[in-house]
Amino acid sequence: MRVMFVTASLSVGGAERHAITLMNRLAERANECHAVYIKNVADQLDRLQLRDGGTVRCLNAGRYFDLRALGDFAAHISRIRPSVIVAENSYALMYSSLARRLSRLRTPLVVTYHSTRLLKVKEQLQMALYRWFFWTADCSVFISENQRRYWRRRGVFSRRNRVIHNGVDTSEFCDAWSPEERAALRKALGFSDADYVIGIAALLRPEKNHLQLVDAVAALRDRGVPARALMIGEGEMRGAVEARACALGVRSDIVITGLQNDVRPYVAACDTAVLCSLTETFSLAAIEAMALGRPVVHSEVGGAAEMIVPGRNGFLFPVGDTGALVDKLAILADRAVRIRMGSEARRMVEARFSEDTMVHRYEKILSELCQGRAPGAPPSTEIPAHGNSPTGDLPLPISPLYPGEGKG
């Protein structure tokens, strides 16, 4: 296949990272991949490995809607003549839909969508426009079943709609650090072996709700649990986090690493992982921590219930309920419990959320669209727009280890 991927930019972000991973892996499988990014922000450009035949083009859009950039994009589509176009998120979808129309090519158009709740009024108003572009796309790929249902109720869907969960490279994300290496990093960060280190890998933004973890650490220490937090990231909430920690008397128990190119050793230095997010679709950080053998305590948002079986490989807690969060983290203060649950977490990722599985499913859908068939259908057979399986794609694998998964 000749696949053109379109992103708003190549900034440090989950959607951009997702697109780059798909491009690189599909190129490894002898597909010709082309990258187009709309705005000239290219922090992840060096991650692209498109191999022979692949191209990278920046449209250098100077404003939200740039007619010059749109015309350039349409001409580029006409030159490349892709078999299929994949737009990451709604802004890239808008440009891709209009440029495809200008090019006069009937290339199949797929959108992968990574958002659920739109927190800003501006984003909500833009969705009124973007909804039309979803309707004209050939296929929408959502990253959790919860997300697909959420947007279906709000009129955001395409002719065909599928769910493909995010995946991680299980060979790259595995706990390969020796006890000595782990102890050395913990010591460098100011932690002792006796500390119960709770990790969170996320930009310090309001929706990630780091303040709740500060409150939880203070509550755990009041219970006599030697809890400390490792916040792997940086962001606008750093000052507020430090101020809350000072006010609660736990400033020395909150360590902020700043941005890290490689989060793996930091997550591996933790005893458990947490996500307190107010909104999340399907957290890549969560399944990365699970792949590293860390149980995850996750707010019950987005697709969290599709990755975590409470009491088996982690816990869920109601959004904003600090008491429930503290109770779940207290259970994992027991070393034997978190080791057992961490092993289950790793097994879950290997069974359902590997990068290989994700890439295979995307390749299958794209191939079927290029052949003029509905994804998931046999030749010359159309299927309903939303399918009969819970994901509308491949049935969710049911492992004997997780007899309840796939329900709900």
Protein backbone atom coordinates (compact mmCIF):
# COMPACT_ATOMS: atom_id res chain seq x y z
CA MET A 1 0.00 0.00 0.00
CA ARG A 2 0.94 3.64 -0.43
CA VAL A 3 -0.28 5.25 2.80
CA MET A 4 -0.29 8.99 3.52
CA PHE A 5 -0.44 9.96 7.22
CA VAL A 6 -1.54 13.48 8.12
CA THR A 7 -0.98 15.13 11.51
CA ALA A 8 -1.49 18.65 12.81
CA SER A 9 2.24 18.78 13.61
CA LEU A 10 5.06 16.54 14.78
CA SER A 11 5.04 17.98 18.30
CA VAL A 12 5.54 15.89 21.44
CA GLY A 13 2.07 14.41 21.76
CA GLY A 14 0.29 11.08 21.90
CA ALA A 15 -1.48 11.34 18.52
CA GLU A 16 1.74 12.32 16.76
CA ARG A 17 3.63 9.52 18.46
CA HIS A 18 0.90 7.08 17.45
CA ALA A 19 1.09 8.17 13.80
CA ILE A 20 4.88 7.91 13.71
CA THR A 21 4.78 4.42 15.20
CA LEU A 22 2.25 3.27 12.61
CA MET A 23 4.23 4.79 9.72
CA ASN A 24 7.49 3.22 10.83
CA ARG A 25 5.99 -0.20 11.44
CA LEU A 26 3.96 -0.24 8.22
CA ALA A 27 7.10 0.79 6.32
CA GLU A 28 8.89 -2.19 7.88
CA ARG A 29 6.15 -4.36 6.37
CA ALA A 30 6.98 -3.16 2.83
CA ASN A 31 4.31 -0.46 2.64
CA GLU A 32 5.23 2.93 1.18
CA CYS A 33 4.46 5.58 3.81
CA HIS A 34 4.32 9.36 3.40
CA ALA A 35 4.11 11.88 6.24
CA VAL A 36 2.35 15.24 6.00
CA TYR A 37 2.18 17.68 8.90
CA ILE A 38 0.25 20.92 8.75
CA LYS A 39 2.06 23.28 11.12
CA ASN A 40 5.83 23.58 11.31
CA VAL A 41 6.41 22.04 14.73
CA ALA A 42 8.71 19.06 14.26
CA ASP A 43 9.99 17.89 17.65
CA GLN A 44 9.56 14.23 16.68
CA LEU A 45 10.79 14.47 13.10
CA ASP A 46 13.91 12.45 13.86
CA ARG A 47 11.75 9.47 14.90
CA LEU A 48 10.46 8.95 11.36
CA GLN A 49 11.97 5.95 9.55
CA LEU A 50 9.99 5.70 6.32
CA ARG A 51 12.52 3.76 4.23
CA ASP A 52 12.79 3.87 0.43
CA GLY A 53 10.03 5.71 -1.37
CA GLY A 54 8.68 7.49 1.69
CA THR A 55 8.47 11.29 1.85
CA VAL A 56 7.95 13.92 4.55
CA ARG A 57 6.22 17.22 3.79
CA CYS A 58 5.38 20.19 6.00
CA LEU A 59 2.53 22.40 4.75
CA ASN A 60 3.79 25.36 6.82
CA ALA A 61 0.27 26.57 7.60
CA GLY A 62 0.48 30.04 9.09
CA ARG A 63 -3.04 30.10 10.51
CA TYR A 64 -5.81 27.75 11.59
CA PHE A 65 -7.22 27.55 8.06
CA ASP A 66 -4.59 28.34 5.43
CA LEU A 67 -5.77 28.26 1.81
CA ARG A 68 -2.21 28.25 0.46
CA ALA A 69 -1.36 25.22 2.60
CA LEU A 70 -4.57 23.50 1.52
CA GLY A 71 -3.75 24.01 -2.18
CA ASP A 72 -0.21 22.72 -1.60
CA PHE A 73 -1.64 19.65 0.14
CA ALA A 74 -4.06 18.92 -2.73
CA ALA A 75 -1.22 19.13 -5.27
CA HIS A 76 0.89 16.81 -3.09
CA ILE A 77 -1.93 14.25 -3.00
CA SER A 78 -2.18 14.41 -6.78
CA ARG A 79 1.56 13.77 -7.14
CA ILE A 80 1.80 10.93 -4.59
CA ARG A 81 -1.57 9.31 -5.46
CA PRO A 82 -1.84 7.45 -2.14
CA SER A 83 -3.82 4.23 -1.81
CA VAL A 84 -5.32 5.54 1.44
CA ILE A 85 -5.05 8.68 3.60
CA VAL A 86 -4.95 8.43 7.40
CA ALA A 87 -5.68 11.62 9.35
CA GLU A 88 -4.80 11.79 13.04
CA ASN A 89 -7.57 13.67 14.87
CA SER A 90 -10.16 16.14 13.65
CA TYR A 91 -7.97 19.09 12.55
CA ALA A 92 -5.91 16.86 10.25
CA LEU A 93 -9.17 15.28 9.06
CA MET A 94 -10.53 18.67 7.97
CA TYR A 95 -7.44 19.43 5.87
CA SER A 96 -7.33 15.89 4.45
CA SER A 97 -10.99 15.87 3.46
CA LEU A 98 -10.83 19.23 1.70
CA ALA A 99 -7.49 18.54 0.00
CA ARG A 100 -8.72 15.16 -1.22
CA ARG A 101 -11.76 16.87 -2.74
CA LEU A 102 -9.55 19.47 -4.46
CA SER A 103 -7.27 16.75 -5.83
CA ARG A 104 -10.30 15.05 -7.46
CA LEU A 105 -9.02 11.65 -6.34
CA ARG A 106 -11.38 9.22 -4.63
CA THR A 107 -8.77 7.97 -2.19
CA PRO A 108 -10.20 6.22 0.89
CA LEU A 109 -9.96 8.49 3.95
CA VAL A 110 -9.54 7.17 7.50
CA VAL A 111 -9.50 9.22 10.69
CA THR A 112 -8.01 7.98 13.95
CA TYR A 113 -9.48 9.89 16.86
CA HIS A 114 -7.83 10.16 20.28
CA SER A 115 -10.05 12.53 22.28
CA THR A 116 -13.16 12.09 24.37
CA ARG A 117 -14.20 15.07 26.44
CA LEU A 118 -13.57 18.48 24.89
CA LEU A 119 -12.85 20.71 27.88
CA LYS A 120 -12.67 24.09 26.13
CA VAL A 121 -15.62 25.96 24.62
CA LYS A 122 -13.59 26.60 21.47
CA GLU A 123 -13.05 22.86 20.98
CA GLN A 124 -16.74 22.16 21.46
CA LEU A 125 -17.68 24.75 18.84
CA GLN A 126 -15.11 23.37 16.40
CA MET A 127 -16.64 19.90 16.73
CA ALA A 128 -19.84 21.26 15.19
CA LEU A 129 -17.76 21.78 12.03
CA TYR A 130 -15.60 18.68 12.32
CA ARG A 131 -18.66 16.41 12.66
CA TRP A 132 -19.38 16.91 8.94
CA PHE A 133 -15.89 15.72 8.01
CA PHE A 134 -16.34 12.58 10.13
CA TRP A 135 -19.55 11.84 8.25
CA THR A 136 -17.75 12.01 4.89
CA ALA A 137 -14.76 9.86 5.95
CA ASP A 138 -14.68 6.24 4.86
CA CYS A 139 -13.75 4.94 8.29
CA SER A 140 -13.28 6.25 11.83
CA VAL A 141 -10.94 4.41 14.18
CA PHE A 142 -11.49 5.03 17.88
CA ILE A 143 -9.03 3.89 20.53
CA SER A 144 -11.50 2.54 23.07
CA GLU A 145 -15.02 1.14 22.96
CA ASN A 146 -16.11 3.65 25.61
CA GLN A 147 -14.92 6.48 23.35
CA ARG A 148 -16.71 5.08 20.31
CA ARG A 149 -20.00 4.91 22.22
CA TYR A 150 -19.50 8.42 23.61
CA TRP A 151 -19.07 10.00 20.17
CA ARG A 152 -21.76 7.89 18.50
CA ARG A 153 -24.28 9.35 20.95
CA ARG A 154 -23.08 12.83 19.92
CA GLY A 155 -23.35 12.24 16.19
CA VAL A 156 -19.63 11.78 15.51
CA PHE A 157 -19.14 8.74 13.29
CA SER A 158 -18.28 7.71 9.74
CA ARG A 159 -19.56 5.20 7.21
CA ARG A 160 -17.61 2.54 9.09
CA ASN A 161 -16.43 2.73 12.71
CA ARG A 162 -13.83 0.55 14.39
CA VAL A 163 -12.00 0.33 17.70
CA ILE A 164 -8.28 -0.42 17.81
CA HIS A 165 -6.69 -0.05 21.22
CA ASN A 166 -3.31 1.63 21.58
CA GLY A 167 -0.40 -0.78 21.77
CA VAL A 168 3.13 -0.77 23.14
CA ASP A 169 6.29 -2.49 22.02
CA THR A 170 6.53 -5.22 24.65
CA SER A 171 10.18 -5.92 23.82
CA GLU A 172 11.04 -2.26 24.42
CA PHE A 173 8.79 -1.84 27.44
CA CYS A 174 9.93 -4.63 29.71
CA ASP A 175 11.57 -4.45 33.11
CA ALA A 176 15.18 -5.24 32.17
CA TRP A 177 16.85 -3.31 35.00
CA SER A 178 18.77 -5.21 37.66
CA PRO A 179 17.96 -4.63 41.34
CA GLU A 180 21.26 -2.75 41.63
CA GLU A 181 20.42 -0.42 38.71
CA ARG A 182 16.97 0.22 40.09
CA ALA A 183 18.34 0.95 43.56
CA ALA A 184 20.93 3.33 42.11
CA LEU A 185 18.30 5.37 40.25
CA ARG A 186 16.02 5.46 43.28
CA LYS A 187 18.91 6.71 45.38
CA ALA A 188 19.74 9.39 42.79
CA LEU A 189 16.11 10.53 42.95
CA GLY A 190 16.22 10.65 46.75
CA PHE A 191 14.27 7.46 47.47
CA SER A 192 15.26 4.61 49.78
CA ASP A 193 14.39 0.95 49.37
CA ALA A 194 11.85 1.31 52.17
CA ASP A 195 9.92 4.07 50.39
CA TYR A 196 6.67 3.21 48.64
CA VAL A 197 7.13 5.11 45.38
CA ILE A 198 4.02 5.96 43.36
CA GLY A 199 4.77 7.05 39.80
CA ILE A 200 2.81 9.18 37.35
CA ALA A 201 4.10 9.75 33.80
CA ALA A 202 2.14 12.68 32.39
CA LEU A 203 2.55 16.31 31.49
CA LEU A 204 1.68 18.52 34.46
CA ARG A 205 -1.56 19.85 33.02
CA PRO A 206 -4.85 20.54 34.84
CA GLU A 207 -6.72 17.59 33.32
CA LYS A 208 -4.06 15.15 34.56
CA ASN A 209 -4.95 16.16 38.12
CA HIS A 210 -1.55 15.77 39.79
CA LEU A 211 -2.86 17.72 42.80
CA GLN A 212 -4.96 14.73 43.78
CA LEU A 213 -1.85 12.57 44.00
CA VAL A 214 -0.26 15.12 46.34
CA ASP A 215 -3.36 14.88 48.55
CA ALA A 216 -3.18 11.07 48.43
CA VAL A 217 0.49 11.00 49.44
CA ALA A 218 -0.28 13.20 52.44
CA ALA A 219 -3.20 10.97 53.45
CA LEU A 220 -1.13 7.79 53.09
CA ARG A 221 1.64 9.22 55.24
CA ASP A 222 -0.95 10.12 57.88
CA ARG A 223 -1.86 6.41 57.88
CA GLY A 224 1.78 5.49 58.45
CA VAL A 225 2.43 4.36 54.86
CA PRO A 226 5.86 5.62 53.66
CA ALA A 227 4.39 6.89 50.38
CA ARG A 228 6.26 9.23 48.05
CA ALA A 229 5.44 10.35 44.52
CA LEU A 230 7.57 10.47 41.40
CA MET A 231 6.06 12.79 38.80
CA ILE A 232 7.69 12.10 35.43
CA GLY A 233 7.05 15.17 33.33
CA GLU A 234 6.82 18.95 33.32
CA GLY A 235 4.11 21.52 32.73
CA GLU A 236 2.07 24.49 33.77
CA MET A 237 0.82 22.91 37.00
CA ARG A 238 4.29 22.47 38.52
CA GLY A 239 4.02 25.58 40.70
CA ALA A 240 0.57 24.59 41.95
CA VAL A 241 1.76 21.05 42.72
CA GLU A 242 4.74 22.32 44.70
CA ALA A 243 2.58 24.82 46.58
CA ARG A 244 0.04 22.12 47.54
CA ALA A 245 2.85 19.81 48.69
CA CYS A 246 4.30 22.57 50.87
CA ALA A 247 0.88 23.35 52.36
CA LEU A 248 0.35 19.68 53.27
CA GLY A 249 3.88 19.21 54.64
CA VAL A 250 4.94 16.67 52.01
CA ARG A 251 7.17 18.81 49.78
CA SER A 252 10.14 16.49 50.27
CA ASP A 253 7.97 13.51 49.31
CA ILE A 254 7.06 14.84 45.86
CA VAL A 255 9.80 14.51 43.22
CA ILE A 256 9.32 16.05 39.75
CA THR A 257 11.77 14.85 37.10
CA GLY A 258 10.96 17.28 34.28
CA LEU A 259 10.59 16.01 30.71
CA GLN A 260 12.41 12.75 29.98
CA ASN A 261 13.16 11.34 26.53
CA ASP A 262 13.00 7.84 27.97
CA VAL A 263 10.49 7.32 30.77
CA ARG A 264 11.12 3.59 31.13
CA PRO A 265 13.82 3.57 33.83
CA TYR A 266 11.83 6.09 35.88
CA VAL A 267 8.63 4.05 35.71
CA ALA A 268 10.64 0.93 36.54
CA ALA A 269 12.02 2.72 39.62
CA CYS A 270 8.47 3.07 40.96
CA ASP A 271 6.51 0.48 42.91
CA THR A 272 3.17 1.26 41.33
CA ALA A 273 1.73 3.71 38.82
CA VAL A 274 -1.27 6.02 39.02
CA LEU A 275 -3.38 8.17 36.71
CA CYS A 276 -5.71 10.68 38.38
CA SER A 277 -6.93 12.15 35.10
CA LEU A 278 -10.22 14.01 34.84
CA THR A 279 -10.42 12.93 31.21
CA GLU A 280 -8.57 10.22 29.31
CA THR A 281 -9.40 8.15 26.24
CA PHE A 282 -7.06 5.16 26.41
CA SER A 283 -3.88 5.97 28.25
CA LEU A 284 -0.65 4.92 26.57
CA ALA A 285 1.21 5.79 29.79
CA ALA A 286 -0.97 3.30 31.67
CA ILE A 287 -0.30 0.36 29.36
CA GLU A 288 3.41 1.25 29.24
CA ALA A 289 3.52 1.01 33.05
CA MET A 290 1.61 -2.28 32.89
CA ALA A 291 4.08 -3.61 30.31
CA LEU A 292 6.87 -2.74 32.76
CA GLY A 293 5.15 -4.91 35.36
CA ARG A 294 3.59 -2.15 37.43
CA PRO A 295 -0.03 -2.33 38.61
CA VAL A 296 -1.95 0.84 37.75
CA VAL A 297 -4.49 2.72 39.84
CA HIS A 298 -6.56 4.64 37.29
CA SER A 299 -9.49 7.04 37.53
CA GLU A 300 -12.56 5.46 35.96
CA VAL A 301 -12.57 7.47 32.73
CA GLY A 302 -12.38 6.62 29.04
CA GLY A 303 -11.23 3.11 28.28
CA ALA A 304 -9.66 2.46 31.70
CA ALA A 305 -12.06 -0.41 32.35
CA GLU A 306 -10.99 -2.00 29.06
CA MET A 307 -7.40 -2.40 30.30
CA ILE A 308 -7.74 -2.86 34.05
CA VAL A 309 -9.46 -5.76 35.81
CA PRO A 310 -9.85 -4.44 39.38
CA GLY A 311 -8.02 -6.54 41.91
CA ARG A 312 -6.18 -8.51 39.20
CA ASN A 313 -3.83 -6.09 37.44
CA GLY A 314 -4.70 -2.76 39.06
CA PHE A 315 -7.60 -0.74 40.44
CA LEU A 316 -10.15 1.80 39.27
CA PHE A 317 -11.53 4.64 41.37
CA PRO A 318 -14.26 7.25 40.77
CA VAL A 319 -12.98 10.49 39.26
CA GLY A 320 -12.04 12.98 41.96
CA ASP A 321 -12.61 10.53 44.85
CA THR A 322 -9.38 10.93 46.83
CA GLY A 323 -10.54 8.61 49.62
CA ALA A 324 -11.05 5.76 47.14
CA LEU A 325 -7.68 6.50 45.51
CA VAL A 326 -5.94 6.36 48.90
CA ASP A 327 -7.64 3.05 49.76
CA LYS A 328 -6.48 1.43 46.50
CA LEU A 329 -2.92 2.74 46.83
CA ALA A 330 -2.79 1.47 50.41
CA ILE A 331 -3.53 -2.06 49.22
CA LEU A 332 -0.56 -1.88 46.84
CA ALA A 333 1.77 -0.79 49.63
CA ASP A 334 2.04 -4.54 50.27
CA ARG A 335 5.04 -5.66 48.22
CA ALA A 336 3.73 -9.18 47.58
CA VAL A 337 0.39 -7.86 46.33
CA ARG A 338 1.88 -5.37 43.90
CA ILE A 339 4.38 -7.90 42.53
CA ARG A 340 1.57 -10.38 41.85
CA MET A 341 -0.65 -7.74 40.26
CA GLY A 342 2.26 -6.31 38.29
CA SER A 343 2.86 -9.72 36.70
CA GLU A 344 -0.82 -9.89 35.75
CA ALA A 345 -0.55 -6.39 34.25
CA ARG A 346 2.33 -7.46 32.04
CA ARG A 347 0.39 -10.53 30.88
CA MET A 348 -2.63 -8.40 29.99
CA VAL A 349 -0.54 -6.14 27.77
CA GLU A 350 1.08 -9.10 26.04
CA ALA A 351 -2.35 -10.65 25.41
CA ARG A 352 -4.26 -7.58 24.21
CA PHE A 353 -2.26 -4.38 23.90
CA SER A 354 0.97 -5.16 22.08
CA GLU A 355 2.19 -2.90 19.30
CA ASP A 356 2.24 -5.87 16.91
CA THR A 357 -1.47 -6.47 17.48
CA MET A 358 -2.27 -2.78 16.97
CA VAL A 359 -0.27 -2.51 13.73
CA HIS A 360 -1.72 -5.74 12.34
CA ARG A 361 -5.26 -4.46 12.87
CA TYR A 362 -4.53 -1.12 11.21
CA GLU A 363 -2.85 -2.83 8.27
CA LYS A 364 -5.84 -5.13 7.84
CA ILE A 365 -8.35 -2.26 7.82
CA LEU A 366 -6.28 -0.12 5.45
CA SER A 367 -5.72 -3.03 3.08
CA GLU A 368 -9.43 -3.81 2.92
CA LEU A 369 -10.29 -0.16 2.23
CA CYS A 370 -7.74 -0.07 -0.57
CA GLN A 371 -9.40 -3.16 -2.06
CA GLY A 372 -12.81 -1.50 -1.87
CA ARG A 373 -14.12 -3.75 0.89
CA ALA A 374 -15.58 -2.85 4.25
CA PRO A 375 -12.99 -3.51 6.98
CA GLY A 376 -13.62 -6.84 8.62
CA ALA A 377 -15.87 -8.13 5.84
CA PRO A 378 -15.15 -10.94 3.35
CA PRO A 379 -14.80 -9.97 -0.32
CA SER A 380 -17.96 -8.46 -1.91
CA THR A 381 -19.75 -8.42 1.44
CA GLU A 382 -20.79 -5.13 3.10
CA ILE A 383 -21.34 -4.96 6.83
CA PRO A 384 -23.40 -2.52 8.90
CA ALA A 385 -21.69 0.75 9.73
CA HIS A 386 -21.21 -0.19 13.35
CA GLY A 387 -20.81 -3.93 13.05
CA ASN A 388 -22.06 -6.59 15.45
CA SER A 389 -18.93 -7.13 17.51
CA PRO A 390 -18.30 -4.83 20.48
CA THR A 391 -15.45 -3.16 18.66
CA GLY A 392 -16.79 -3.33 15.13
CA ASP A 393 -13.37 -4.78 14.21
CA LEU A 394 -11.91 -8.04 15.44
CA PRO A 395 -13.65 -9.58 18.45
CA LEU A 396 -11.94 -8.73 21.72
CA PRO A 397 -9.71 -11.67 22.67
CA ILE A 398 -11.00 -13.39 25.80
CA SER A 399 -8.17 -14.87 27.82
CA PRO A 400 -8.80 -17.60 30.41
CA LEU A 401 -6.79 -15.37 32.73
CA TYR A 402 -9.42 -12.65 32.48
CA PRO A 403 -12.78 -14.43 32.26
CA GLY A 404 -14.77 -11.21 32.65
CA GLU A 405 -13.07 -9.04 30.06
CA GLY A 406 -14.94 -7.87 27.02
CA LYS A 407 -18.22 -7.56 28.95
CA GLY A 408 -20.12 -4.32 29.43
